[in-house]
């Protein structure tokens, strides 16, 4: 995610639509002071607010985040930080396997 690009998109959208940061804060359930800190680069926009902002703006979340669309046929995962032990790695591997099974099951259901 490109945080600077995300903030720029939000600012441009607000300007183009004649909306204020206070209006957006109200729409997404955030205090205007906190949104101001986010827009000034002092705080990061939490995921729940990113999702709400994209909905208010009427754009897909990946567009707001500046993520290029990719082949959606395979699950993808992005992690922050690092795995500190073998158990964590094992749990992530299991999660990825479960996701693949879920995607395969969904594809099978929709193919019928």
PDB file of N, CA and C in Angstrom:
ATOM      1  N   UNK A   1       0.834  -1.178   0.000  1.00  0.00           N
ATOM      2  CA  UNK A   1       0.000   0.000   0.000  1.00  0.00           C
ATOM      3  C   UNK A   1       0.879   1.241   0.000  1.00  0.00           C
ATOM      4  N   UNK A   2       0.502   2.198  -0.800  1.00  0.00           N
ATOM      5  CA  UNK A   2       1.209   3.470  -0.858  1.00  0.00           C
ATOM      6  C   UNK A   2       0.389   4.479  -0.056  1.00  0.00           C
ATOM      7  N   UNK A   3       0.797   4.711   1.195  1.00  0.00           N
ATOM      8  CA  UNK A   3       0.023   5.569   2.100  1.00  0.00           C
ATOM      9  C   UNK A   3      -0.104   6.992   1.556  1.00  0.00           C
ATOM     10  N   UNK A   4       0.976   7.507   0.966  1.00  0.00           N
ATOM     11  CA  UNK A   4       0.957   8.868   0.412  1.00  0.00           C
ATOM     12  C   UNK A   4      -0.054   8.968  -0.729  1.00  0.00           C
ATOM     13  N   UNK A   5      -0.072   7.961  -1.591  1.00  0.00           N
ATOM     14  CA  UNK A   5      -1.023   7.939  -2.704  1.00  0.00           C
ATOM     15  C   UNK A   5      -2.455   7.868  -2.187  1.00  0.00           C
ATOM     16  N   UNK A   6      -2.674   7.053  -1.172  1.00  0.00           N
ATOM     17  CA  UNK A   6      -4.016   6.921  -0.590  1.00  0.00           C
ATOM     18  C   UNK A   6      -4.512   8.268  -0.067  1.00  0.00           C
ATOM     19  N   UNK A   7      -3.658   8.959   0.680  1.00  0.00           N
ATOM     20  CA  UNK A   7      -4.048  10.267   1.224  1.00  0.00           C
ATOM     21  C   UNK A   7      -4.301  11.270   0.100  1.00  0.00           C
ATOM     22  N   UNK A   8      -3.483  11.217  -0.929  1.00  0.00           N
ATOM     23  CA  UNK A   8      -3.662  12.127  -2.061  1.00  0.00           C
ATOM     24  C   UNK A   8      -5.000  11.857  -2.763  1.00  0.00           C
ATOM     25  N   UNK A   9      -5.334  10.588  -2.961  1.00  0.00           N
ATOM     26  CA  UNK A   9      -6.613  10.239  -3.586  1.00  0.00           C
ATOM     27  C   UNK A   9      -7.794  10.742  -2.758  1.00  0.00           C
ATOM     28  N   UNK A  10      -7.689  10.588  -1.443  1.00  0.00           N
ATOM     29  CA  UNK A  10      -8.764  11.053  -0.565  1.00  0.00           C
ATOM     30  C   UNK A  10      -8.894  12.574  -0.663  1.00  0.00           C
ATOM     31  N   UNK A  11      -7.764  13.281  -0.591  1.00  0.00           N
ATOM     32  CA  UNK A  11      -7.796  14.745  -0.676  1.00  0.00           C
ATOM     33  C   UNK A  11      -8.394  15.207  -2.001  1.00  0.00           C
ATOM     34  N   UNK A  12      -7.973  14.575  -3.091  1.00  0.00           N
ATOM     35  CA  UNK A  12      -8.499  14.951  -4.409  1.00  0.00           C
ATOM     36  C   UNK A  12      -9.992  14.670  -4.507  1.00  0.00           C
ATOM     37  N   UNK A  13     -10.427  13.550  -3.957  1.00  0.00           N
ATOM     38  CA  UNK A  13     -11.846  13.208  -4.001  1.00  0.00           C
ATOM     39  C   UNK A  13     -12.666  14.213  -3.190  1.00  0.00           C
ATOM     40  N   UNK A  14     -12.176  14.555  -1.997  1.00  0.00           N
ATOM     41  CA  UNK A  14     -12.882  15.536  -1.174  1.00  0.00           C
ATOM     42  C   UNK A  14     -13.036  16.855  -1.928  1.00  0.00           C
ATOM     43  N   UNK A  15     -11.959  17.316  -2.540  1.00  0.00           N
ATOM     44  CA  UNK A  15     -11.991  18.580  -3.272  1.00  0.00           C
ATOM     45  C   UNK A  15     -12.939  18.505  -4.466  1.00  0.00           C
ATOM     46  N   UNK A  16     -12.843  17.426  -5.235  1.00  0.00           N
ATOM     47  CA  UNK A  16     -13.680  17.272  -6.427  1.00  0.00           C
ATOM     48  C   UNK A  16     -15.165  17.173  -6.087  1.00  0.00           C
ATOM     49  N   UNK A  17     -15.472  16.680  -4.901  1.00  0.00           N
ATOM     50  CA  UNK A  17     -16.869  16.489  -4.508  1.00  0.00           C
ATOM     51  C   UNK A  17     -17.365  17.545  -3.522  1.00  0.00           C
ATOM     52  N   UNK A  18     -16.536  18.564  -3.282  1.00  0.00           N
ATOM     53  CA  UNK A  18     -16.952  19.651  -2.399  1.00  0.00           C
ATOM     54  C   UNK A  18     -17.219  19.211  -0.970  1.00  0.00           C
ATOM     55  N   UNK A  19     -16.460  18.229  -0.504  1.00  0.00           N
ATOM     56  CA  UNK A  19     -16.645  17.700   0.853  1.00  0.00           C
ATOM     57  C   UNK A  19     -15.464  18.105   1.729  1.00  0.00           C
ATOM     58  N   UNK A  20     -15.679  18.129   3.016  1.00  0.00           N
ATOM     59  CA  UNK A  20     -14.633  18.473   3.969  1.00  0.00           C
ATOM     60  C   UNK A  20     -14.137  17.221   4.688  1.00  0.00           C
ATOM     61  N   UNK A  21     -12.994  17.363   5.327  1.00  0.00           N
ATOM     62  CA  UNK A  21     -12.485  16.252   6.132  1.00  0.00           C
ATOM     63  C   UNK A  21     -13.452  15.933   7.265  1.00  0.00           C
ATOM     64  N   UNK A  22     -14.054  16.947   7.836  1.00  0.00           N
ATOM     65  CA  UNK A  22     -15.020  16.730   8.925  1.00  0.00           C
ATOM     66  C   UNK A  22     -16.211  15.916   8.424  1.00  0.00           C
ATOM     67  N   UNK A  23     -16.672  16.210   7.201  1.00  0.00           N
ATOM     68  CA  UNK A  23     -17.783  15.451   6.620  1.00  0.00           C
ATOM     69  C   UNK A  23     -17.387  13.988   6.457  1.00  0.00           C
ATOM     70  N   UNK A  24     -16.182  13.757   5.888  1.00  0.00           N
ATOM     71  CA  UNK A  24     -15.718  12.383   5.694  1.00  0.00           C
ATOM     72  C   UNK A  24     -15.569  11.666   7.029  1.00  0.00           C
ATOM     73  N   UNK A  25     -14.995  12.341   8.011  1.00  0.00           N
ATOM     74  CA  UNK A  25     -14.827  11.734   9.335  1.00  0.00           C
ATOM     75  C   UNK A  25     -16.172  11.270   9.879  1.00  0.00           C
ATOM     76  N   UNK A  26     -17.198  12.096   9.735  1.00  0.00           N
ATOM     77  CA  UNK A  26     -18.533  11.739  10.194  1.00  0.00           C
ATOM     78  C   UNK A  26     -19.065  10.515   9.448  1.00  0.00           C
ATOM     79  N   UNK A  27     -18.827  10.471   8.145  1.00  0.00           N
ATOM     80  CA  UNK A  27     -19.328   9.373   7.318  1.00  0.00           C
ATOM     81  C   UNK A  27     -18.690   8.030   7.675  1.00  0.00           C
ATOM     82  N   UNK A  28     -17.410   8.060   8.050  1.00  0.00           N
ATOM     83  CA  UNK A  28     -16.704   6.807   8.330  1.00  0.00           C
ATOM     84  C   UNK A  28     -16.621   6.481   9.816  1.00  0.00           C
ATOM     85  N   UNK A  29     -17.215   7.325  10.656  1.00  0.00           N
ATOM     86  CA  UNK A  29     -17.252   7.047  12.088  1.00  0.00           C
ATOM     87  C   UNK A  29     -15.953   7.338  12.813  1.00  0.00           C
ATOM     88  N   UNK A  30     -15.248   8.351  12.353  1.00  0.00           N
ATOM     89  CA  UNK A  30     -13.966   8.728  12.947  1.00  0.00           C
ATOM     90  C   UNK A  30     -14.078  10.170  13.440  1.00  0.00           C
ATOM     91  N   UNK A  31     -13.328  10.502  14.458  1.00  0.00           N
ATOM     92  CA  UNK A  31     -13.354  11.886  14.921  1.00  0.00           C
ATOM     93  C   UNK A  31     -12.632  12.767  13.900  1.00  0.00           C
ATOM     94  N   UNK A  32     -13.114  13.988  13.698  1.00  0.00           N
ATOM     95  CA  UNK A  32     -12.439  14.898  12.765  1.00  0.00           C
ATOM     96  C   UNK A  32     -10.974  15.148  13.141  1.00  0.00           C
ATOM     97  N   UNK A  33     -10.679  15.202  14.432  1.00  0.00           N
ATOM     98  CA  UNK A  33      -9.293  15.431  14.869  1.00  0.00           C
ATOM     99  C   UNK A  33      -8.387  14.277  14.459  1.00  0.00           C
ATOM    100  N   UNK A  34      -8.881  13.050  14.609  1.00  0.00           N
ATOM    101  CA  UNK A  34      -8.090  11.884  14.226  1.00  0.00           C
ATOM    102  C   UNK A  34      -7.886  11.847  12.713  1.00  0.00           C
ATOM    103  N   UNK A  35      -8.935  12.130  11.960  1.00  0.00           N
ATOM    104  CA  UNK A  35      -8.791  12.149  10.497  1.00  0.00           C
ATOM    105  C   UNK A  35      -7.797  13.225  10.072  1.00  0.00           C
ATOM    106  N   UNK A  36      -7.820  14.356  10.743  1.00  0.00           N
ATOM    107  CA  UNK A  36      -6.862  15.413  10.443  1.00  0.00           C
ATOM    108  C   UNK A  36      -5.429  14.922  10.663  1.00  0.00           C
ATOM    109  N   UNK A  37      -5.204  14.193  11.750  1.00  0.00           N
ATOM    110  CA  UNK A  37      -3.875  13.638  12.016  1.00  0.00           C
ATOM    111  C   UNK A  37      -3.467  12.648  10.928  1.00  0.00           C
ATOM    112  N   UNK A  38      -4.425  11.843  10.482  1.00  0.00           N
ATOM    113  CA  UNK A  38      -4.155  10.883   9.406  1.00  0.00           C
ATOM    114  C   UNK A  38      -3.789  11.621   8.131  1.00  0.00           C
ATOM    115  N   UNK A  39      -4.589  12.622   7.779  1.00  0.00           N
ATOM    116  CA  UNK A  39      -4.377  13.345   6.527  1.00  0.00           C
ATOM    117  C   UNK A  39      -3.075  14.146   6.550  1.00  0.00           C
ATOM    118  N   UNK A  40      -2.605  14.535   7.744  1.00  0.00           N
ATOM    119  CA  UNK A  40      -1.331  15.245   7.880  1.00  0.00           C
ATOM    120  C   UNK A  40      -0.140  14.292   7.940  1.00  0.00           C
ATOM    121  N   UNK A  41      -0.419  12.979   7.895  1.00  0.00           N
ATOM    122  CA  UNK A  41       0.651  11.987   7.907  1.00  0.00           C
ATOM    123  C   UNK A  41       1.175  11.644   9.286  1.00  0.00           C
ATOM    124  N   UNK A  42       0.484  12.104  10.331  1.00  0.00           N
ATOM    125  CA  UNK A  42       0.934  11.828  11.698  1.00  0.00           C
ATOM    126  C   UNK A  42       0.429  10.491  12.234  1.00  0.00           C
ATOM    127  N   UNK A  43      -0.615   9.964  11.620  1.00  0.00           N
ATOM    128  CA  UNK A  43      -1.205   8.686  12.028  1.00  0.00           C
ATOM    129  C   UNK A  43      -1.494   7.881  10.776  1.00  0.00           C
ATOM    130  N   UNK A  44      -1.619   6.586  10.929  1.00  0.00           N
ATOM    131  CA  UNK A  44      -1.970   5.701   9.815  1.00  0.00           C
ATOM    132  C   UNK A  44      -3.473   5.456   9.843  1.00  0.00           C
ATOM    133  N   UNK A  45      -4.044   5.330   8.670  1.00  0.00           N
ATOM    134  CA  UNK A  45      -5.472   5.045   8.548  1.00  0.00           C
ATOM    135  C   UNK A  45      -5.698   3.564   8.806  1.00  0.00           C
ATOM    136  N   UNK A  46      -6.491   3.250   9.820  1.00  0.00           N
ATOM    137  CA  UNK A  46      -6.766   1.863  10.167  1.00  0.00           C
ATOM    138  C   UNK A  46      -7.599   1.200   9.075  1.00  0.00           C
ATOM    139  N   UNK A  47      -7.466  -0.113   8.988  1.00  0.00           N
ATOM    140  CA  UNK A  47      -8.129  -0.884   7.941  1.00  0.00           C
ATOM    141  C   UNK A  47      -9.632  -0.634   7.903  1.00  0.00           C
ATOM    142  N   UNK A  48     -10.291  -0.620   9.054  1.00  0.00           N
ATOM    143  CA  UNK A  48     -11.748  -0.438   9.049  1.00  0.00           C
ATOM    144  C   UNK A  48     -12.126   0.920   8.453  1.00  0.00           C
ATOM    145  N   UNK A  49     -11.288   1.927   8.677  1.00  0.00           N
ATOM    146  CA  UNK A  49     -11.566   3.242   8.108  1.00  0.00           C
ATOM    147  C   UNK A  49     -11.223   3.295   6.621  1.00  0.00           C
ATOM    148  N   UNK A  50     -10.230   2.522   6.211  1.00  0.00           N
ATOM    149  CA  UNK A  50      -9.923   2.436   4.779  1.00  0.00           C
ATOM    150  C   UNK A  50     -11.105   1.849   4.021  1.00  0.00           C
ATOM    151  N   UNK A  51     -11.665   0.791   4.566  1.00  0.00           N
ATOM    152  CA  UNK A  51     -12.807   0.130   3.938  1.00  0.00           C
ATOM    153  C   UNK A  51     -13.983   1.090   3.865  1.00  0.00           C
ATOM    154  N   UNK A  52     -14.271   1.768   4.961  1.00  0.00           N
ATOM    155  CA  UNK A  52     -15.386   2.720   4.995  1.00  0.00           C
ATOM    156  C   UNK A  52     -15.154   3.876   4.032  1.00  0.00           C
ATOM    157  N   UNK A  53     -13.923   4.364   3.957  1.00  0.00           N
ATOM    158  CA  UNK A  53     -13.599   5.480   3.064  1.00  0.00           C
ATOM    159  C   UNK A  53     -13.808   5.086   1.615  1.00  0.00           C
ATOM    160  N   UNK A  54     -13.356   3.891   1.247  1.00  0.00           N
ATOM    161  CA  UNK A  54     -13.549   3.417  -0.127  1.00  0.00           C
ATOM    162  C   UNK A  54     -15.039   3.331  -0.457  1.00  0.00           C
ATOM    163  N   UNK A  55     -15.837   2.861   0.486  1.00  0.00           N
ATOM    164  CA  UNK A  55     -17.287   2.766   0.257  1.00  0.00           C
ATOM    165  C   UNK A  55     -17.895   4.151   0.066  1.00  0.00           C
ATOM    166  N   UNK A  56     -17.510   5.097   0.909  1.00  0.00           N
ATOM    167  CA  UNK A  56     -18.026   6.470   0.796  1.00  0.00           C
ATOM    168  C   UNK A  56     -17.633   7.071  -0.552  1.00  0.00           C
ATOM    169  N   UNK A  57     -16.397   6.807  -0.974  1.00  0.00           N
ATOM    170  CA  UNK A  57     -15.902   7.346  -2.235  1.00  0.00           C
ATOM    171  C   UNK A  57     -16.466   6.603  -3.444  1.00  0.00           C
ATOM    172  N   UNK A  58     -17.035   5.427  -3.206  1.00  0.00           N
ATOM    173  CA  UNK A  58     -17.605   4.645  -4.296  1.00  0.00           C
ATOM    174  C   UNK A  58     -16.559   4.002  -5.193  1.00  0.00           C
ATOM    175  N   UNK A  59     -15.414   3.650  -4.602  1.00  0.00           N
ATOM    176  CA  UNK A  59     -14.354   3.009  -5.377  1.00  0.00           C
ATOM    177  C   UNK A  59     -13.929   1.724  -4.686  1.00  0.00           C
ATOM    178  N   UNK A  60     -13.343   0.784  -5.443  1.00  0.00           N
ATOM    179  CA  UNK A  60     -12.841  -0.438  -4.808  1.00  0.00           C
ATOM    180  C   UNK A  60     -11.699  -0.119  -3.851  1.00  0.00           C
ATOM    181  N   UNK A  61     -11.588  -0.895  -2.805  1.00  0.00           N
ATOM    182  CA  UNK A  61     -10.544  -0.693  -1.808  1.00  0.00           C
ATOM    183  C   UNK A  61      -9.156  -0.746  -2.432  1.00  0.00           C
ATOM    184  N   UNK A  62      -8.941  -1.679  -3.360  1.00  0.00           N
ATOM    185  CA  UNK A  62      -7.608  -1.778  -3.963  1.00  0.00           C
ATOM    186  C   UNK A  62      -7.243  -0.525  -4.752  1.00  0.00           C
ATOM    187  N   UNK A  63      -8.235   0.144  -5.309  1.00  0.00           N
ATOM    188  CA  UNK A  63      -7.964   1.403  -6.015  1.00  0.00           C
ATOM    189  C   UNK A  63      -7.560   2.489  -5.018  1.00  0.00           C
ATOM    190  N   UNK A  64      -8.259   2.557  -3.896  1.00  0.00           N
ATOM    191  CA  UNK A  64      -7.914   3.540  -2.867  1.00  0.00           C
ATOM    192  C   UNK A  64      -6.501   3.305  -2.345  1.00  0.00           C
ATOM    193  N   UNK A  65      -6.128   2.056  -2.222  1.00  0.00           N
ATOM    194  CA  UNK A  65      -4.819   1.717  -1.679  1.00  0.00           C
ATOM    195  C   UNK A  65      -3.708   1.765  -2.720  1.00  0.00           C
ATOM    196  N   UNK A  66      -4.088   1.977  -3.970  1.00  0.00           N
ATOM    197  CA  UNK A  66      -3.079   2.048  -5.023  1.00  0.00           C
ATOM    198  C   UNK A  66      -2.500   0.699  -5.379  1.00  0.00           C
ATOM    199  N   UNK A  67      -3.301  -0.337  -5.165  1.00  0.00           N
ATOM    200  CA  UNK A  67      -2.854  -1.701  -5.459  1.00  0.00           C
ATOM    201  C   UNK A  67      -3.255  -2.055  -6.876  1.00  0.00           C
ATOM    202  N   UNK A  68      -2.307  -2.508  -7.640  1.00  0.00           N
ATOM    203  CA  UNK A  68      -2.594  -2.947  -8.999  1.00  0.00           C
ATOM    204  C   UNK A  68      -3.345  -4.265  -8.922  1.00  0.00           C
ATOM    205  N   UNK A  69      -4.376  -4.401  -9.742  1.00  0.00           N
ATOM    206  CA  UNK A  69      -5.134  -5.644  -9.730  1.00  0.00           C
ATOM    207  C   UNK A  69      -4.301  -6.755 -10.348  1.00  0.00           C
ATOM    208  N   UNK A  70      -4.471  -7.934  -9.803  1.00  0.00           N
ATOM    209  CA  UNK A  70      -3.731  -9.105 -10.260  1.00  0.00           C
ATOM    210  C   UNK A  70      -4.703 -10.235 -10.524  1.00  0.00           C
ATOM    211  N   UNK A  71      -4.171 -11.325 -10.965  1.00  0.00           N
ATOM    212  CA  UNK A  71      -4.976 -12.516 -11.200  1.00  0.00           C
ATOM    213  C   UNK A  71      -5.622 -12.934  -9.882  1.00  0.00           C
ATOM    214  N   UNK A  72      -6.929 -12.885  -9.832  1.00  0.00           N
ATOM    215  CA  UNK A  72      -7.644 -13.198  -8.603  1.00  0.00           C
ATOM    216  C   UNK A  72      -7.981 -14.685  -8.470  1.00  0.00           C
ATOM    217  N   UNK A  73      -7.485 -15.507  -9.393  1.00  0.00           N
ATOM    218  CA  UNK A  73      -7.803 -16.925  -9.327  1.00  0.00           C
ATOM    219  C   UNK A  73      -7.027 -17.629  -8.217  1.00  0.00           C
ATOM    220  N   UNK A  74      -5.929 -17.027  -7.781  1.00  0.00           N
ATOM    221  CA  UNK A  74      -5.141 -17.609  -6.704  1.00  0.00           C
ATOM    222  C   UNK A  74      -5.183 -16.684  -5.488  1.00  0.00           C
ATOM    223  N   UNK A  75      -5.396 -17.254  -4.309  1.00  0.00           N
ATOM    224  CA  UNK A  75      -5.395 -16.408  -3.109  1.00  0.00           C
ATOM    225  C   UNK A  75      -4.029 -15.773  -2.900  1.00  0.00           C
ATOM    226  N   UNK A  76      -4.050 -14.577  -2.352  1.00  0.00           N
ATOM    227  CA  UNK A  76      -2.812 -13.883  -2.052  1.00  0.00           C
ATOM    228  C   UNK A  76      -2.862 -13.405  -0.613  1.00  0.00           C
ATOM    229  N   UNK A  77      -1.705 -13.312  -0.020  1.00  0.00           N
ATOM    230  CA  UNK A  77      -1.632 -12.881   1.365  1.00  0.00           C
ATOM    231  C   UNK A  77      -0.462 -11.914   1.505  1.00  0.00           C
ATOM    232  N   UNK A  78      -0.666 -10.904   2.289  1.00  0.00           N
ATOM    233  CA  UNK A  78       0.408  -9.949   2.571  1.00  0.00           C
ATOM    234  C   UNK A  78       0.536  -9.860   4.087  1.00  0.00           C
ATOM    235  N   UNK A  79       1.724 -10.043   4.567  1.00  0.00           N
ATOM    236  CA  UNK A  79       1.964 -10.021   6.002  1.00  0.00           C
ATOM    237  C   UNK A  79       2.846  -8.856   6.373  1.00  0.00           C
ATOM    238  N   UNK A  80       2.624  -8.338   7.549  1.00  0.00           N
ATOM    239  CA  UNK A  80       3.493  -7.298   8.087  1.00  0.00           C
ATOM    240  C   UNK A  80       4.311  -7.929   9.200  1.00  0.00           C
ATOM    241  N   UNK A  81       5.545  -7.515   9.307  1.00  0.00           N
ATOM    242  CA  UNK A  81       6.383  -8.052  10.362  1.00  0.00           C
ATOM    243  C   UNK A  81       7.095  -9.308   9.908  1.00  0.00           C
ATOM    244  N   UNK A  82       7.356 -10.199  10.848  1.00  0.00           N
ATOM    245  CA  UNK A  82       8.059 -11.429  10.525  1.00  0.00           C
ATOM    246  C   UNK A  82       7.561 -12.547  11.428  1.00  0.00           C
ATOM    247  N   UNK A  83       7.816 -13.771  10.981  1.00  0.00           N
ATOM    248  CA  UNK A  83       7.452 -14.925  11.774  1.00  0.00           C
ATOM    249  C   UNK A  83       8.598 -15.196  12.741  1.00  0.00           C
ATOM    250  N   UNK A  84       8.267 -15.264  14.011  1.00  0.00           N
ATOM    251  CA  UNK A  84       9.320 -15.358  15.013  1.00  0.00           C
ATOM    252  C   UNK A  84       9.659 -16.792  15.411  1.00  0.00           C
ATOM    253  N   UNK A  85       8.791 -17.726  15.059  1.00  0.00           N
ATOM    254  CA  UNK A  85       9.106 -19.102  15.447  1.00  0.00           C
ATOM    255  C   UNK A  85       8.469 -20.095  14.477  1.00  0.00           C
ATOM    256  N   UNK A  86       8.808 -21.345  14.634  1.00  0.00           N
ATOM    257  CA  UNK A  86       8.302 -22.390  13.731  1.00  0.00           C
ATOM    258  C   UNK A  86       6.797 -22.557  13.841  1.00  0.00           C
ATOM    259  N   UNK A  87       6.259 -22.390  15.023  1.00  0.00           N
ATOM    260  CA  UNK A  87       4.815 -22.557  15.216  1.00  0.00           C
ATOM    261  C   UNK A  87       4.046 -21.510  14.419  1.00  0.00           C
ATOM    262  N   UNK A  88       4.533 -20.282  14.411  1.00  0.00           N
ATOM    263  CA  UNK A  88       3.893 -19.226  13.622  1.00  0.00           C
ATOM    264  C   UNK A  88       3.913 -19.584  12.149  1.00  0.00           C
ATOM    265  N   UNK A  89       5.052 -20.050  11.661  1.00  0.00           N
ATOM    266  CA  UNK A  89       5.181 -20.449  10.254  1.00  0.00           C
ATOM    267  C   UNK A  89       4.206 -21.578   9.940  1.00  0.00           C
ATOM    268  N   UNK A  90       4.109 -22.535  10.834  1.00  0.00           N
ATOM    269  CA  UNK A  90       3.209 -23.669  10.650  1.00  0.00           C
ATOM    270  C   UNK A  90       1.749 -23.196  10.585  1.00  0.00           C
ATOM    271  N   UNK A  91       1.374 -22.254  11.440  1.00  0.00           N
ATOM    272  CA  UNK A  91       0.008 -21.731  11.442  1.00  0.00           C
ATOM    273  C   UNK A  91      -0.304 -20.968  10.161  1.00  0.00           C
ATOM    274  N   UNK A  92       0.662 -20.198   9.652  1.00  0.00           N
ATOM    275  CA  UNK A  92       0.463 -19.464   8.398  1.00  0.00           C
ATOM    276  C   UNK A  92       0.320 -20.445   7.244  1.00  0.00           C
ATOM    277  N   UNK A  93       1.159 -21.473   7.214  1.00  0.00           N
ATOM    278  CA  UNK A  93       1.059 -22.478   6.157  1.00  0.00           C
ATOM    279  C   UNK A  93      -0.309 -23.159   6.187  1.00  0.00           C
ATOM    280  N   UNK A  94      -0.815 -23.446   7.384  1.00  0.00           N
ATOM    281  CA  UNK A  94      -2.131 -24.070   7.510  1.00  0.00           C
ATOM    282  C   UNK A  94      -3.228 -23.119   7.027  1.00  0.00           C
ATOM    283  N   UNK A  95      -3.095 -21.849   7.367  1.00  0.00           N
ATOM    284  CA  UNK A  95      -4.061 -20.852   6.916  1.00  0.00           C
ATOM    285  C   UNK A  95      -4.083 -20.769   5.390  1.00  0.00           C
ATOM    286  N   UNK A  96      -2.918 -20.749   4.776  1.00  0.00           N
ATOM    287  CA  UNK A  96      -2.848 -20.702   3.314  1.00  0.00           C
ATOM    288  C   UNK A  96      -3.493 -21.935   2.685  1.00  0.00           C
ATOM    289  N   UNK A  97      -3.249 -23.099   3.270  1.00  0.00           N
ATOM    290  CA  UNK A  97      -3.862 -24.330   2.775  1.00  0.00           C
ATOM    291  C   UNK A  97      -5.382 -24.257   2.903  1.00  0.00           C
ATOM    292  N   UNK A  98      -5.871 -23.764   4.036  1.00  0.00           N
ATOM    293  CA  UNK A  98      -7.315 -23.630   4.238  1.00  0.00           C
ATOM    294  C   UNK A  98      -7.932 -22.664   3.231  1.00  0.00           C
ATOM    295  N   UNK A  99      -7.233 -21.594   2.941  1.00  0.00           N
ATOM    296  CA  UNK A  99      -7.725 -20.622   1.965  1.00  0.00           C
ATOM    297  C   UNK A  99      -7.809 -21.274   0.585  1.00  0.00           C
ATOM    298  N   UNK A 100      -6.766 -22.000   0.199  1.00  0.00           N
ATOM    299  CA  UNK A 100      -6.781 -22.682  -1.103  1.00  0.00           C
ATOM    300  C   UNK A 100      -7.946 -23.657  -1.198  1.00  0.00           C
ATOM    301  N   UNK A 101      -8.189 -24.418  -0.132  1.00  0.00           N
ATOM    302  CA  UNK A 101      -9.308 -25.361  -0.125  1.00  0.00           C
ATOM    303  C   UNK A 101     -10.639 -24.621  -0.256  1.00  0.00           C
ATOM    304  N   UNK A 102     -10.758 -23.504   0.422  1.00  0.00           N
ATOM    305  CA  UNK A 102     -11.982 -22.713   0.343  1.00  0.00           C
ATOM    306  C   UNK A 102     -12.220 -22.196  -1.073  1.00  0.00           C
ATOM    307  N   UNK A 103     -11.165 -21.689  -1.704  1.00  0.00           N
ATOM    308  CA  UNK A 103     -11.277 -21.182  -3.074  1.00  0.00           C
ATOM    309  C   UNK A 103     -11.649 -22.310  -4.026  1.00  0.00           C
ATOM    310  N   UNK A 104     -11.019 -23.469  -3.871  1.00  0.00           N
ATOM    311  CA  UNK A 104     -11.328 -24.619  -4.723  1.00  0.00           C
ATOM    312  C   UNK A 104     -12.779 -25.063  -4.533  1.00  0.00           C
ATOM    313  N   UNK A 105     -13.239 -25.085  -3.292  1.00  0.00           N
ATOM    314  CA  UNK A 105     -14.614 -25.472  -3.002  1.00  0.00           C
ATOM    315  C   UNK A 105     -15.591 -24.489  -3.635  1.00  0.00           C
ATOM    316  N   UNK A 106     -15.317 -23.213  -3.509  1.00  0.00           N
ATOM    317  CA  UNK A 106     -16.179 -22.196  -4.101  1.00  0.00           C
ATOM    318  C   UNK A 106     -16.222 -22.343  -5.622  1.00  0.00           C
ATOM    319  N   UNK A 107     -15.081 -22.597  -6.229  1.00  0.00           N
ATOM    320  CA  UNK A 107     -15.029 -22.781  -7.690  1.00  0.00           C
ATOM    321  C   UNK A 107     -15.835 -23.997  -8.104  1.00  0.00           C
ATOM    322  N   UNK A 108     -15.768 -25.046  -7.323  1.00  0.00           N
ATOM    323  CA  UNK A 108     -16.525 -26.256  -7.625  1.00  0.00           C
ATOM    324  C   UNK A 108     -18.024 -26.000  -7.517  1.00  0.00           C
ATOM    325  N   UNK A 109     -18.434 -25.278  -6.505  1.00  0.00           N
ATOM    326  CA  UNK A 109     -19.854 -24.965  -6.301  1.00  0.00           C
ATOM    327  C   UNK A 109     -20.390 -24.121  -7.453  1.00  0.00           C
ATOM    328  N   UNK A 110     -19.615 -23.116  -7.875  1.00  0.00           N
ATOM    329  CA  UNK A 110     -20.070 -22.217  -8.932  1.00  0.00           C
ATOM    330  C   UNK A 110     -19.983 -22.838 -10.316  1.00  0.00           C
ATOM    331  N   UNK A 111     -19.213 -23.905 -10.456  1.00  0.00           N
ATOM    332  CA  UNK A 111     -19.079 -24.572 -11.753  1.00  0.00           C
ATOM    333  C   UNK A 111     -20.299 -25.426 -12.062  1.00  0.00           C
ATOM    334  N   UNK A 112     -21.051 -25.784 -11.041  1.00  0.00           N
ATOM    335  CA  UNK A 112     -22.223 -26.665 -11.242  1.00  0.00           C
ATOM    336  C   UNK A 112     -23.418 -25.909 -11.710  1.00  0.00           C
TER     337      UNK A 112
END
